[in-house]
N, C-alpha and C. Protein backbone atom coordinates (compact mmCIF):
# COMPACT_ATOMS: atom_id res chain seq x y z
N UNK A 1 13.17 -39.99 -6.71
CA UNK A 1 12.07 -39.05 -6.94
C UNK A 1 12.30 -37.76 -6.19
N UNK A 2 11.82 -36.67 -6.75
CA UNK A 2 11.87 -35.36 -6.10
C UNK A 2 10.57 -35.16 -5.32
N UNK A 3 10.67 -35.26 -4.00
CA UNK A 3 9.48 -35.24 -3.16
C UNK A 3 9.04 -33.83 -2.77
N UNK A 4 9.87 -32.83 -3.01
CA UNK A 4 9.63 -31.50 -2.44
C UNK A 4 8.20 -30.99 -2.62
N UNK A 5 7.70 -31.03 -3.85
CA UNK A 5 6.37 -30.47 -4.12
C UNK A 5 5.54 -31.47 -4.92
N UNK A 6 4.46 -31.91 -4.31
CA UNK A 6 3.56 -32.94 -4.84
C UNK A 6 2.20 -32.25 -4.97
N UNK A 7 1.73 -32.11 -6.20
CA UNK A 7 0.48 -31.37 -6.45
C UNK A 7 -0.62 -32.34 -6.87
N UNK A 8 -1.78 -32.17 -6.26
CA UNK A 8 -2.94 -33.04 -6.48
C UNK A 8 -4.03 -32.24 -7.19
N UNK A 9 -4.61 -32.81 -8.23
CA UNK A 9 -5.62 -32.09 -8.99
C UNK A 9 -6.97 -32.11 -8.30
N UNK A 10 -7.77 -31.11 -8.58
CA UNK A 10 -9.18 -31.06 -8.16
C UNK A 10 -9.85 -29.99 -9.01
N UNK A 11 -10.58 -30.43 -10.02
CA UNK A 11 -11.18 -29.47 -10.95
C UNK A 11 -12.22 -28.58 -10.28
N UNK A 12 -12.74 -29.00 -9.13
CA UNK A 12 -13.71 -28.16 -8.41
C UNK A 12 -13.05 -26.91 -7.84
N UNK A 13 -11.73 -26.95 -7.66
CA UNK A 13 -11.02 -25.82 -7.07
C UNK A 13 -10.21 -25.02 -8.10
N UNK A 14 -10.27 -25.43 -9.36
CA UNK A 14 -9.40 -24.85 -10.38
C UNK A 14 -9.95 -23.60 -11.05
N UNK A 15 -11.05 -23.08 -10.53
CA UNK A 15 -11.64 -21.83 -11.04
C UNK A 15 -12.00 -21.91 -12.51
N UNK A 16 -12.48 -23.07 -12.93
CA UNK A 16 -12.91 -23.24 -14.31
C UNK A 16 -11.78 -23.47 -15.31
N UNK A 17 -10.55 -23.47 -14.82
CA UNK A 17 -9.40 -23.70 -15.71
C UNK A 17 -9.26 -25.19 -16.01
N UNK A 18 -8.91 -25.57 -17.23
CA UNK A 18 -8.75 -26.99 -17.56
C UNK A 18 -7.68 -27.63 -16.69
N UNK A 19 -7.91 -28.88 -16.29
CA UNK A 19 -6.97 -29.60 -15.44
C UNK A 19 -5.59 -29.66 -16.10
N UNK A 20 -5.56 -29.91 -17.40
CA UNK A 20 -4.27 -30.04 -18.08
C UNK A 20 -3.48 -28.74 -18.00
N UNK A 21 -4.15 -27.61 -18.13
CA UNK A 21 -3.44 -26.32 -18.07
C UNK A 21 -2.97 -26.04 -16.65
N UNK A 22 -3.78 -26.37 -15.65
CA UNK A 22 -3.38 -26.19 -14.25
C UNK A 22 -2.14 -27.05 -13.96
N UNK A 23 -2.15 -28.28 -14.42
CA UNK A 23 -1.01 -29.17 -14.20
C UNK A 23 0.23 -28.65 -14.91
N UNK A 24 0.05 -28.16 -16.13
CA UNK A 24 1.20 -27.59 -16.85
C UNK A 24 1.84 -26.46 -16.06
N UNK A 25 1.02 -25.57 -15.53
CA UNK A 25 1.55 -24.44 -14.78
C UNK A 25 2.21 -24.90 -13.47
N UNK A 26 1.63 -25.91 -12.83
CA UNK A 26 2.24 -26.44 -11.60
C UNK A 26 3.61 -27.03 -11.91
N UNK A 27 3.71 -27.74 -13.02
CA UNK A 27 5.00 -28.31 -13.43
C UNK A 27 6.00 -27.21 -13.76
N UNK A 28 5.54 -26.19 -14.44
CA UNK A 28 6.42 -25.06 -14.76
C UNK A 28 6.90 -24.36 -13.49
N UNK A 29 6.07 -24.40 -12.44
CA UNK A 29 6.45 -23.82 -11.16
C UNK A 29 7.37 -24.69 -10.33
N UNK A 30 7.59 -25.94 -10.78
CA UNK A 30 8.55 -26.80 -10.09
C UNK A 30 8.02 -28.07 -9.48
N UNK A 31 6.70 -28.31 -9.55
CA UNK A 31 6.17 -29.58 -9.03
C UNK A 31 6.75 -30.73 -9.82
N UNK A 32 7.13 -31.80 -9.13
CA UNK A 32 7.69 -32.95 -9.83
C UNK A 32 6.94 -34.25 -9.53
N UNK A 33 5.86 -34.14 -8.78
CA UNK A 33 4.92 -35.26 -8.64
C UNK A 33 3.52 -34.68 -8.81
N UNK A 34 2.74 -35.30 -9.70
CA UNK A 34 1.36 -34.89 -9.92
C UNK A 34 0.47 -36.08 -9.65
N UNK A 35 -0.57 -35.86 -8.86
CA UNK A 35 -1.57 -36.90 -8.62
C UNK A 35 -2.89 -36.49 -9.26
N UNK A 36 -3.43 -37.37 -10.08
CA UNK A 36 -4.76 -37.17 -10.66
C UNK A 36 -5.80 -37.63 -9.66
N UNK A 37 -6.55 -36.67 -9.14
CA UNK A 37 -7.58 -36.97 -8.15
C UNK A 37 -8.84 -36.22 -8.53
N UNK A 38 -9.74 -36.90 -9.23
CA UNK A 38 -11.00 -36.32 -9.68
C UNK A 38 -12.11 -37.29 -9.31
N UNK A 39 -12.59 -37.16 -8.08
CA UNK A 39 -13.51 -38.13 -7.50
C UNK A 39 -14.84 -38.24 -8.25
N UNK A 40 -15.28 -37.16 -8.89
CA UNK A 40 -16.60 -37.15 -9.50
C UNK A 40 -16.56 -37.34 -11.02
N UNK A 41 -15.39 -37.56 -11.58
CA UNK A 41 -15.27 -37.69 -13.03
C UNK A 41 -15.56 -39.13 -13.46
N UNK A 42 -16.40 -39.32 -14.49
CA UNK A 42 -16.68 -40.68 -14.99
C UNK A 42 -15.40 -41.37 -15.46
N UNK A 43 -15.34 -42.69 -15.34
CA UNK A 43 -14.12 -43.43 -15.68
C UNK A 43 -13.61 -43.17 -17.10
N UNK A 44 -14.48 -43.10 -18.08
CA UNK A 44 -14.03 -42.88 -19.46
C UNK A 44 -13.31 -41.54 -19.59
N UNK A 45 -13.88 -40.51 -18.96
CA UNK A 45 -13.26 -39.18 -19.00
C UNK A 45 -11.94 -39.19 -18.22
N UNK A 46 -11.94 -39.92 -17.12
CA UNK A 46 -10.74 -39.98 -16.28
C UNK A 46 -9.58 -40.63 -17.05
N UNK A 47 -9.87 -41.68 -17.80
CA UNK A 47 -8.84 -42.34 -18.60
C UNK A 47 -8.33 -41.40 -19.69
N UNK A 48 -9.24 -40.71 -20.36
CA UNK A 48 -8.82 -39.78 -21.42
C UNK A 48 -7.94 -38.67 -20.85
N UNK A 49 -8.35 -38.13 -19.70
CA UNK A 49 -7.57 -37.08 -19.05
C UNK A 49 -6.22 -37.64 -18.59
N UNK A 50 -6.24 -38.84 -18.04
CA UNK A 50 -5.01 -39.46 -17.56
C UNK A 50 -4.00 -39.64 -18.67
N UNK A 51 -4.45 -40.04 -19.85
CA UNK A 51 -3.53 -40.23 -20.97
C UNK A 51 -2.91 -38.90 -21.40
N UNK A 52 -3.74 -37.85 -21.41
CA UNK A 52 -3.22 -36.54 -21.78
C UNK A 52 -2.21 -36.04 -20.74
N UNK A 53 -2.55 -36.24 -19.48
CA UNK A 53 -1.65 -35.80 -18.41
C UNK A 53 -0.35 -36.58 -18.41
N UNK A 54 -0.42 -37.87 -18.69
CA UNK A 54 0.81 -38.67 -18.66
C UNK A 54 1.83 -38.12 -19.65
N UNK A 55 1.37 -37.79 -20.84
CA UNK A 55 2.28 -37.26 -21.85
C UNK A 55 2.91 -35.94 -21.38
N UNK A 56 2.07 -35.07 -20.81
CA UNK A 56 2.56 -33.77 -20.33
C UNK A 56 3.56 -33.96 -19.19
N UNK A 57 3.19 -34.77 -18.22
CA UNK A 57 4.03 -34.97 -17.03
C UNK A 57 5.37 -35.59 -17.40
N UNK A 58 5.35 -36.54 -18.32
CA UNK A 58 6.60 -37.17 -18.75
C UNK A 58 7.52 -36.16 -19.45
N UNK A 59 6.93 -35.18 -20.13
CA UNK A 59 7.75 -34.18 -20.82
C UNK A 59 8.53 -33.31 -19.84
N UNK A 60 8.12 -33.32 -18.56
CA UNK A 60 8.82 -32.59 -17.51
C UNK A 60 9.67 -33.54 -16.64
N UNK A 61 9.78 -34.79 -17.06
CA UNK A 61 10.49 -35.80 -16.26
C UNK A 61 9.94 -35.89 -14.85
N UNK A 62 8.64 -35.71 -14.73
CA UNK A 62 7.98 -35.77 -13.42
C UNK A 62 7.28 -37.11 -13.25
N UNK A 63 6.74 -37.32 -12.07
CA UNK A 63 6.10 -38.59 -11.71
C UNK A 63 4.58 -38.43 -11.70
N UNK A 64 3.89 -39.41 -12.26
CA UNK A 64 2.44 -39.36 -12.40
C UNK A 64 1.79 -40.44 -11.55
N UNK A 65 0.98 -40.02 -10.58
CA UNK A 65 0.27 -40.91 -9.68
C UNK A 65 -1.23 -40.73 -9.87
N UNK A 66 -1.98 -41.81 -9.80
CA UNK A 66 -3.45 -41.75 -9.86
C UNK A 66 -4.01 -42.06 -8.48
N UNK A 67 -4.95 -41.27 -8.03
CA UNK A 67 -5.58 -41.48 -6.73
C UNK A 67 -6.60 -42.60 -6.80
N UNK A 68 -6.46 -43.58 -5.92
CA UNK A 68 -7.49 -44.58 -5.66
C UNK A 68 -7.73 -45.56 -6.82
N UNK A 69 -7.92 -45.04 -8.03
CA UNK A 69 -8.38 -45.86 -9.15
C UNK A 69 -7.23 -46.65 -9.78
N UNK A 70 -7.03 -47.85 -9.26
CA UNK A 70 -5.97 -48.72 -9.79
C UNK A 70 -6.23 -49.04 -11.26
N UNK A 71 -7.50 -49.25 -11.61
CA UNK A 71 -7.83 -49.57 -13.00
C UNK A 71 -7.41 -48.45 -13.94
N UNK A 72 -7.65 -47.22 -13.52
CA UNK A 72 -7.27 -46.06 -14.35
C UNK A 72 -5.75 -45.94 -14.42
N UNK A 73 -5.09 -46.13 -13.28
CA UNK A 73 -3.63 -46.05 -13.26
C UNK A 73 -3.01 -47.04 -14.23
N UNK A 74 -3.54 -48.26 -14.26
CA UNK A 74 -3.02 -49.27 -15.18
C UNK A 74 -3.38 -48.93 -16.63
N UNK A 75 -4.60 -48.42 -16.84
CA UNK A 75 -5.05 -48.12 -18.20
C UNK A 75 -4.23 -47.03 -18.86
N UNK A 76 -3.76 -46.06 -18.06
CA UNK A 76 -3.01 -44.93 -18.64
C UNK A 76 -1.51 -45.09 -18.45
N UNK A 77 -1.09 -46.23 -17.88
CA UNK A 77 0.32 -46.49 -17.60
C UNK A 77 0.94 -45.40 -16.75
N UNK A 78 0.22 -45.05 -15.68
CA UNK A 78 0.75 -44.09 -14.71
C UNK A 78 1.93 -44.72 -13.98
N UNK A 79 2.70 -43.89 -13.29
CA UNK A 79 3.84 -44.40 -12.54
C UNK A 79 3.42 -45.14 -11.28
N UNK A 80 2.20 -44.86 -10.82
CA UNK A 80 1.75 -45.54 -9.62
C UNK A 80 0.36 -45.10 -9.21
N UNK A 81 -0.05 -45.57 -8.04
CA UNK A 81 -1.38 -45.28 -7.50
C UNK A 81 -1.24 -44.93 -6.03
N UNK A 82 -2.17 -44.11 -5.54
CA UNK A 82 -2.19 -43.73 -4.13
C UNK A 82 -3.53 -44.15 -3.55
N UNK A 83 -3.48 -44.87 -2.42
CA UNK A 83 -4.72 -45.34 -1.80
C UNK A 83 -4.83 -44.83 -0.37
N UNK A 84 -6.08 -44.63 0.05
CA UNK A 84 -6.36 -44.22 1.42
C UNK A 84 -6.77 -45.40 2.28
N UNK A 85 -7.09 -45.13 3.51
CA UNK A 85 -7.45 -46.19 4.44
C UNK A 85 -8.79 -46.84 4.09
N UNK A 86 -9.64 -46.14 3.34
CA UNK A 86 -10.95 -46.69 2.97
C UNK A 86 -11.00 -47.14 1.52
N UNK A 87 -9.86 -47.09 0.84
CA UNK A 87 -9.81 -47.49 -0.57
C UNK A 87 -9.42 -48.96 -0.69
N UNK A 88 -9.04 -49.37 -1.88
CA UNK A 88 -8.53 -50.71 -2.11
C UNK A 88 -7.39 -50.98 -1.12
N UNK A 89 -7.40 -52.12 -0.43
CA UNK A 89 -6.32 -52.40 0.54
C UNK A 89 -4.96 -52.30 -0.12
N UNK A 90 -4.02 -51.73 0.61
CA UNK A 90 -2.69 -51.50 0.06
C UNK A 90 -2.02 -52.78 -0.41
N UNK A 91 -2.19 -53.86 0.34
CA UNK A 91 -1.56 -55.13 -0.04
C UNK A 91 -2.11 -55.64 -1.36
N UNK A 92 -3.41 -55.45 -1.59
CA UNK A 92 -4.02 -55.86 -2.85
C UNK A 92 -3.52 -54.96 -3.98
N UNK A 93 -3.47 -53.65 -3.73
CA UNK A 93 -2.96 -52.72 -4.74
C UNK A 93 -1.53 -53.06 -5.11
N UNK A 94 -0.71 -53.40 -4.10
CA UNK A 94 0.67 -53.75 -4.37
C UNK A 94 0.77 -54.97 -5.29
N UNK A 95 -0.05 -55.97 -5.02
CA UNK A 95 -0.02 -57.19 -5.82
C UNK A 95 -0.47 -56.94 -7.26
N UNK A 96 -1.52 -56.15 -7.42
CA UNK A 96 -2.07 -55.90 -8.75
C UNK A 96 -1.23 -54.92 -9.56
N UNK A 97 -0.56 -54.02 -8.88
CA UNK A 97 0.29 -53.05 -9.58
C UNK A 97 1.45 -53.73 -10.28
N UNK A 98 1.99 -54.74 -9.62
CA UNK A 98 3.15 -55.41 -10.18
C UNK A 98 4.43 -54.64 -9.90
N UNK A 99 5.55 -55.18 -10.36
CA UNK A 99 6.85 -54.57 -10.08
C UNK A 99 7.06 -53.27 -10.85
N UNK A 100 7.88 -52.41 -10.29
CA UNK A 100 8.26 -51.20 -11.01
C UNK A 100 7.28 -50.06 -10.91
N UNK A 101 6.17 -50.26 -10.22
CA UNK A 101 5.18 -49.20 -10.04
C UNK A 101 5.20 -48.71 -8.59
N UNK A 102 4.77 -47.48 -8.40
CA UNK A 102 4.84 -46.82 -7.10
C UNK A 102 3.51 -46.94 -6.37
N UNK A 103 3.57 -47.29 -5.09
CA UNK A 103 2.38 -47.35 -4.25
C UNK A 103 2.50 -46.36 -3.11
N UNK A 104 1.58 -45.41 -3.06
CA UNK A 104 1.50 -44.48 -1.94
C UNK A 104 0.30 -44.80 -1.08
N UNK A 105 0.42 -44.60 0.21
CA UNK A 105 -0.67 -44.90 1.14
C UNK A 105 -0.86 -43.73 2.11
N UNK A 106 -2.11 -43.33 2.28
CA UNK A 106 -2.44 -42.28 3.25
C UNK A 106 -2.50 -42.87 4.65
N UNK A 107 -1.83 -42.23 5.59
CA UNK A 107 -1.84 -42.69 6.98
C UNK A 107 -1.95 -41.49 7.91
N UNK A 108 -2.44 -41.77 9.13
CA UNK A 108 -2.54 -40.72 10.13
C UNK A 108 -1.91 -41.12 11.46
N UNK A 109 -1.54 -42.40 11.58
CA UNK A 109 -0.98 -42.89 12.84
C UNK A 109 0.25 -43.75 12.56
N UNK A 110 1.03 -43.97 13.62
CA UNK A 110 2.19 -44.86 13.50
C UNK A 110 1.75 -46.27 13.12
N UNK A 111 0.65 -46.73 13.69
CA UNK A 111 0.16 -48.08 13.41
C UNK A 111 -0.20 -48.23 11.93
N UNK A 112 -0.89 -47.24 11.38
CA UNK A 112 -1.24 -47.29 9.95
C UNK A 112 0.01 -47.24 9.09
N UNK A 113 1.00 -46.47 9.51
CA UNK A 113 2.25 -46.38 8.76
C UNK A 113 2.98 -47.71 8.75
N UNK A 114 3.04 -48.38 9.89
CA UNK A 114 3.70 -49.69 9.96
C UNK A 114 2.98 -50.72 9.10
N UNK A 115 1.66 -50.66 9.09
CA UNK A 115 0.90 -51.59 8.26
C UNK A 115 1.14 -51.30 6.78
N UNK A 116 1.19 -50.04 6.41
CA UNK A 116 1.44 -49.67 5.02
C UNK A 116 2.82 -50.16 4.57
N UNK A 117 3.79 -50.03 5.45
CA UNK A 117 5.14 -50.53 5.15
C UNK A 117 5.10 -52.03 4.90
N UNK A 118 4.42 -52.75 5.77
CA UNK A 118 4.33 -54.20 5.62
C UNK A 118 3.58 -54.60 4.35
N UNK A 119 2.65 -53.75 3.93
CA UNK A 119 1.84 -54.04 2.75
C UNK A 119 2.54 -53.67 1.44
N UNK A 120 3.72 -53.07 1.54
CA UNK A 120 4.48 -52.78 0.33
C UNK A 120 4.44 -51.35 -0.17
N UNK A 121 4.07 -50.41 0.70
CA UNK A 121 4.04 -49.00 0.29
C UNK A 121 5.44 -48.50 -0.05
N UNK A 122 5.52 -47.61 -1.02
CA UNK A 122 6.78 -46.97 -1.39
C UNK A 122 6.94 -45.60 -0.74
N UNK A 123 5.83 -44.98 -0.38
CA UNK A 123 5.87 -43.70 0.33
C UNK A 123 4.56 -43.53 1.09
N UNK A 124 4.55 -42.59 2.03
CA UNK A 124 3.37 -42.32 2.84
C UNK A 124 2.89 -40.89 2.65
N UNK A 125 1.59 -40.72 2.59
CA UNK A 125 0.98 -39.40 2.67
C UNK A 125 0.46 -39.25 4.09
N UNK A 126 1.03 -38.36 4.86
CA UNK A 126 0.67 -38.24 6.28
C UNK A 126 -0.19 -37.00 6.50
N UNK A 127 -1.35 -37.19 7.10
CA UNK A 127 -2.23 -36.06 7.37
C UNK A 127 -3.61 -36.53 7.80
N UNK A 128 -4.47 -35.59 7.98
CA UNK A 128 -4.35 -34.18 7.64
C UNK A 128 -3.57 -33.45 8.74
N UNK A 129 -2.51 -32.75 8.32
CA UNK A 129 -1.65 -32.07 9.28
C UNK A 129 -2.37 -30.89 9.92
N UNK A 130 -2.98 -30.06 9.08
CA UNK A 130 -3.74 -28.91 9.56
C UNK A 130 -5.19 -29.05 9.08
N UNK A 131 -6.07 -28.22 9.61
CA UNK A 131 -7.47 -28.26 9.19
C UNK A 131 -7.57 -27.93 7.70
N UNK A 132 -8.42 -28.65 7.01
CA UNK A 132 -8.59 -28.43 5.58
C UNK A 132 -10.05 -28.64 5.18
N UNK A 133 -10.51 -27.84 4.24
CA UNK A 133 -11.85 -28.01 3.71
C UNK A 133 -11.86 -28.79 2.42
N UNK A 134 -10.67 -29.12 1.92
CA UNK A 134 -10.57 -29.81 0.64
C UNK A 134 -11.06 -31.24 0.72
N UNK A 135 -10.79 -31.89 1.86
CA UNK A 135 -11.16 -33.30 2.03
C UNK A 135 -12.03 -33.41 3.28
N UNK A 136 -13.36 -33.36 3.11
CA UNK A 136 -14.27 -33.32 4.26
C UNK A 136 -14.12 -34.49 5.22
N UNK A 137 -13.67 -35.66 4.71
CA UNK A 137 -13.56 -36.84 5.56
C UNK A 137 -12.16 -37.01 6.15
N UNK A 138 -11.37 -35.94 6.12
CA UNK A 138 -9.97 -36.05 6.55
C UNK A 138 -9.82 -36.27 8.05
N UNK A 139 -10.85 -35.95 8.83
CA UNK A 139 -10.75 -36.11 10.27
C UNK A 139 -10.06 -34.92 10.92
N UNK A 140 -9.90 -35.00 12.24
CA UNK A 140 -9.27 -33.90 12.97
C UNK A 140 -7.80 -33.81 12.58
N UNK A 141 -7.26 -32.58 12.51
CA UNK A 141 -5.84 -32.42 12.16
C UNK A 141 -4.94 -33.09 13.19
N UNK A 142 -3.87 -33.70 12.70
CA UNK A 142 -2.98 -34.45 13.59
C UNK A 142 -1.74 -33.66 13.99
N UNK A 143 -1.45 -32.57 13.28
CA UNK A 143 -0.31 -31.72 13.63
C UNK A 143 1.01 -32.27 13.13
N UNK A 144 1.99 -31.39 12.94
CA UNK A 144 3.28 -31.81 12.38
C UNK A 144 4.08 -32.76 13.26
N UNK A 145 3.82 -32.78 14.56
CA UNK A 145 4.58 -33.68 15.45
C UNK A 145 4.39 -35.14 15.06
N UNK A 146 3.24 -35.47 14.46
CA UNK A 146 2.98 -36.86 14.07
C UNK A 146 3.96 -37.32 12.99
N UNK A 147 4.40 -36.38 12.16
CA UNK A 147 5.38 -36.72 11.11
C UNK A 147 6.65 -37.27 11.75
N UNK A 148 7.10 -36.58 12.79
CA UNK A 148 8.33 -37.01 13.47
C UNK A 148 8.15 -38.40 14.07
N UNK A 149 6.98 -38.64 14.65
CA UNK A 149 6.72 -39.96 15.24
C UNK A 149 6.80 -41.05 14.18
N UNK A 150 6.16 -40.81 13.06
CA UNK A 150 6.11 -41.81 12.00
C UNK A 150 7.50 -42.02 11.39
N UNK A 151 8.21 -40.93 11.16
CA UNK A 151 9.55 -41.05 10.57
C UNK A 151 10.52 -41.79 11.49
N UNK A 152 10.28 -41.72 12.78
CA UNK A 152 11.16 -42.41 13.73
C UNK A 152 10.94 -43.93 13.71
N UNK A 153 9.80 -44.36 13.14
CA UNK A 153 9.47 -45.79 13.15
C UNK A 153 9.46 -46.42 11.76
N UNK A 154 9.29 -45.61 10.74
CA UNK A 154 9.12 -46.14 9.39
C UNK A 154 10.08 -45.45 8.43
N UNK A 155 10.92 -46.23 7.80
CA UNK A 155 11.93 -45.68 6.89
C UNK A 155 11.39 -45.60 5.45
N UNK A 156 10.39 -44.73 5.27
CA UNK A 156 9.82 -44.48 3.95
C UNK A 156 9.72 -42.97 3.74
N UNK A 157 9.78 -42.50 2.50
CA UNK A 157 9.55 -41.08 2.24
C UNK A 157 8.15 -40.69 2.72
N UNK A 158 8.05 -39.50 3.27
CA UNK A 158 6.78 -38.98 3.79
C UNK A 158 6.47 -37.64 3.14
N UNK A 159 5.27 -37.55 2.57
CA UNK A 159 4.78 -36.25 2.12
C UNK A 159 3.65 -35.85 3.06
N UNK A 160 3.72 -34.65 3.57
CA UNK A 160 2.69 -34.15 4.48
C UNK A 160 1.57 -33.53 3.67
N UNK A 161 0.34 -33.73 4.12
CA UNK A 161 -0.81 -33.20 3.40
C UNK A 161 -1.84 -32.68 4.38
N UNK A 162 -2.62 -31.71 3.92
CA UNK A 162 -3.73 -31.21 4.72
C UNK A 162 -3.51 -29.80 5.22
N UNK A 163 -4.09 -28.83 4.53
CA UNK A 163 -4.01 -27.44 4.98
C UNK A 163 -2.63 -26.82 4.86
N UNK A 164 -1.78 -27.37 4.03
CA UNK A 164 -0.40 -26.87 3.92
C UNK A 164 -0.33 -25.76 2.87
N UNK A 165 0.42 -24.72 3.21
CA UNK A 165 0.62 -23.59 2.30
C UNK A 165 2.02 -23.01 2.54
N UNK A 166 2.32 -21.93 1.86
CA UNK A 166 3.66 -21.35 1.97
C UNK A 166 3.96 -20.86 3.38
N UNK A 167 2.92 -20.54 4.16
CA UNK A 167 3.14 -20.01 5.51
C UNK A 167 3.51 -21.09 6.51
N UNK A 168 3.09 -22.33 6.28
CA UNK A 168 3.35 -23.37 7.28
C UNK A 168 4.17 -24.55 6.75
N UNK A 169 4.53 -24.52 5.47
CA UNK A 169 5.27 -25.64 4.88
C UNK A 169 6.59 -25.89 5.61
N UNK A 170 7.23 -24.83 6.06
CA UNK A 170 8.50 -24.98 6.77
C UNK A 170 8.37 -25.80 8.02
N UNK A 171 7.23 -25.72 8.69
CA UNK A 171 7.01 -26.48 9.93
C UNK A 171 7.00 -27.98 9.67
N UNK A 172 6.37 -28.39 8.58
CA UNK A 172 6.29 -29.83 8.31
C UNK A 172 7.63 -30.38 7.83
N UNK A 173 8.39 -29.57 7.13
CA UNK A 173 9.73 -29.99 6.73
C UNK A 173 10.62 -30.12 7.96
N UNK A 174 10.50 -29.16 8.88
CA UNK A 174 11.28 -29.22 10.12
C UNK A 174 10.91 -30.45 10.95
N UNK A 175 9.67 -30.92 10.81
CA UNK A 175 9.22 -32.10 11.55
C UNK A 175 9.69 -33.40 10.91
N UNK A 176 10.27 -33.30 9.70
CA UNK A 176 10.82 -34.49 9.07
C UNK A 176 10.21 -34.90 7.76
N UNK A 177 9.22 -34.15 7.27
CA UNK A 177 8.60 -34.51 5.99
C UNK A 177 9.60 -34.35 4.85
N UNK A 178 9.51 -35.26 3.88
CA UNK A 178 10.37 -35.17 2.70
C UNK A 178 9.82 -34.21 1.67
N UNK A 179 8.54 -33.89 1.79
CA UNK A 179 7.92 -32.96 0.86
C UNK A 179 6.52 -32.62 1.33
N UNK A 180 5.86 -31.76 0.57
CA UNK A 180 4.48 -31.37 0.90
C UNK A 180 3.58 -31.71 -0.27
N UNK A 181 2.39 -32.18 0.05
CA UNK A 181 1.37 -32.46 -0.95
C UNK A 181 0.25 -31.46 -0.77
N UNK A 182 -0.12 -30.79 -1.84
CA UNK A 182 -1.10 -29.72 -1.74
C UNK A 182 -2.13 -29.81 -2.85
N UNK A 183 -3.30 -29.27 -2.57
CA UNK A 183 -4.34 -29.14 -3.58
C UNK A 183 -4.63 -27.65 -3.75
N UNK A 184 -5.42 -27.09 -2.84
CA UNK A 184 -5.91 -25.72 -3.00
C UNK A 184 -4.79 -24.68 -3.03
N UNK A 185 -3.71 -24.91 -2.30
CA UNK A 185 -2.63 -23.92 -2.24
C UNK A 185 -2.01 -23.66 -3.61
N UNK A 186 -2.15 -24.62 -4.52
CA UNK A 186 -1.61 -24.45 -5.88
C UNK A 186 -2.72 -24.39 -6.92
N UNK A 187 -3.57 -25.43 -6.99
CA UNK A 187 -4.56 -25.46 -8.08
C UNK A 187 -5.63 -24.40 -7.92
N UNK A 188 -5.83 -23.91 -6.70
CA UNK A 188 -6.81 -22.86 -6.49
C UNK A 188 -6.24 -21.45 -6.46
N UNK A 189 -4.94 -21.34 -6.69
CA UNK A 189 -4.28 -20.03 -6.61
C UNK A 189 -4.59 -19.16 -7.83
N UNK A 190 -4.50 -17.84 -7.64
CA UNK A 190 -4.67 -16.93 -8.77
C UNK A 190 -3.65 -17.24 -9.86
N UNK A 191 -2.43 -17.43 -9.46
CA UNK A 191 -1.33 -17.73 -10.38
C UNK A 191 -0.74 -19.08 -9.96
N UNK A 192 -1.12 -20.12 -10.65
CA UNK A 192 -0.72 -21.48 -10.28
C UNK A 192 0.80 -21.63 -10.33
N UNK A 193 1.41 -21.15 -11.37
CA UNK A 193 2.86 -21.28 -11.54
C UNK A 193 3.60 -20.59 -10.40
N UNK A 194 3.20 -19.37 -10.08
CA UNK A 194 3.85 -18.61 -9.02
C UNK A 194 3.64 -19.25 -7.66
N UNK A 195 2.43 -19.77 -7.42
CA UNK A 195 2.14 -20.41 -6.14
C UNK A 195 2.99 -21.66 -5.95
N UNK A 196 3.14 -22.45 -7.02
CA UNK A 196 3.98 -23.65 -6.95
C UNK A 196 5.43 -23.27 -6.69
N UNK A 197 5.91 -22.26 -7.40
CA UNK A 197 7.30 -21.84 -7.24
C UNK A 197 7.58 -21.31 -5.84
N UNK A 198 6.62 -20.56 -5.28
CA UNK A 198 6.80 -20.03 -3.92
C UNK A 198 6.85 -21.15 -2.90
N UNK A 199 5.93 -22.11 -3.02
CA UNK A 199 5.89 -23.23 -2.08
C UNK A 199 7.15 -24.08 -2.18
N UNK A 200 7.60 -24.32 -3.40
CA UNK A 200 8.83 -25.09 -3.60
C UNK A 200 10.02 -24.37 -2.97
N UNK A 201 10.07 -23.06 -3.12
CA UNK A 201 11.17 -22.29 -2.54
C UNK A 201 11.18 -22.40 -1.02
N UNK A 202 9.99 -22.37 -0.40
CA UNK A 202 9.90 -22.50 1.05
C UNK A 202 10.42 -23.87 1.50
N UNK A 203 9.99 -24.90 0.80
CA UNK A 203 10.42 -26.27 1.14
C UNK A 203 11.93 -26.39 1.02
N UNK A 204 12.48 -25.90 -0.06
CA UNK A 204 13.93 -26.04 -0.28
C UNK A 204 14.74 -25.20 0.70
N UNK A 205 14.24 -24.01 1.03
CA UNK A 205 14.92 -23.19 2.04
C UNK A 205 14.91 -23.89 3.39
N UNK A 206 13.78 -24.50 3.72
CA UNK A 206 13.66 -25.20 5.01
C UNK A 206 14.61 -26.38 5.07
N UNK A 207 14.69 -27.14 3.97
CA UNK A 207 15.62 -28.27 3.94
C UNK A 207 17.07 -27.80 4.03
N UNK A 208 17.36 -26.72 3.36
CA UNK A 208 18.72 -26.17 3.39
C UNK A 208 19.08 -25.72 4.80
N UNK A 209 18.11 -25.12 5.49
CA UNK A 209 18.35 -24.68 6.87
C UNK A 209 18.60 -25.86 7.79
N UNK A 210 17.87 -26.96 7.58
CA UNK A 210 18.08 -28.15 8.40
C UNK A 210 19.46 -28.75 8.15
N UNK A 211 19.90 -28.73 6.90
CA UNK A 211 21.23 -29.26 6.58
C UNK A 211 22.32 -28.44 7.26
N UNK A 212 22.14 -27.12 7.26
CA UNK A 212 23.13 -26.26 7.91
C UNK A 212 23.18 -26.55 9.40
N UNK A 213 22.00 -26.77 10.02
CA UNK A 213 21.98 -27.08 11.44
C UNK A 213 22.70 -28.41 11.73
N UNK A 214 22.45 -29.41 10.84
CA UNK A 214 23.06 -30.72 11.04
C UNK A 214 24.58 -30.65 10.91
N UNK A 215 25.05 -29.74 10.08
CA UNK A 215 26.50 -29.64 9.83
C UNK A 215 27.22 -28.67 10.77
N UNK A 216 26.42 -28.02 11.61
CA UNK A 216 27.00 -27.02 12.49
C UNK A 216 27.86 -27.67 13.58
């Protein structure tokens, strides 16, 4: 999987633009993982939207994840589901997902990361790294240093989330993140495609710089 840029939907931040069009522009800008996260959308609408998004996302050879709703993820044949600490337990999600599907788990501590690994997680969403208004229950920001702590103990891909934008994405990559997960920095931007492309360029430049340092 291409972890560099992971974009999460939120129609409340999309400035009235349809979710499908926002996702299309994010994909055109280079996002290769899309998470459907619409907390207030009724299940029937969520399934209909999920089916439409799956077709679009597959046309870009990208990965489609559904937030929290395992039932919706299975109904639309998404690539996987992402659960938080207050959602369906990761071990249960792993069992119900079955083989060949991706399980992501949100963590904020080394202990939560180790438990997610034991429960069968395929990747971790680590945050909230910086202060964010997108997720009111995100808690106090943990800072990029936590990424390094978690990566030193858990051998899973890590996407950093929470208040990340083009100005600070390089810091989380330098701390060891495999990619960045964003909501407002892309879906709320004036130009979604350009915002995604700029953020992706920052991530790739940062990774390239780290490789040069390692080879020096």
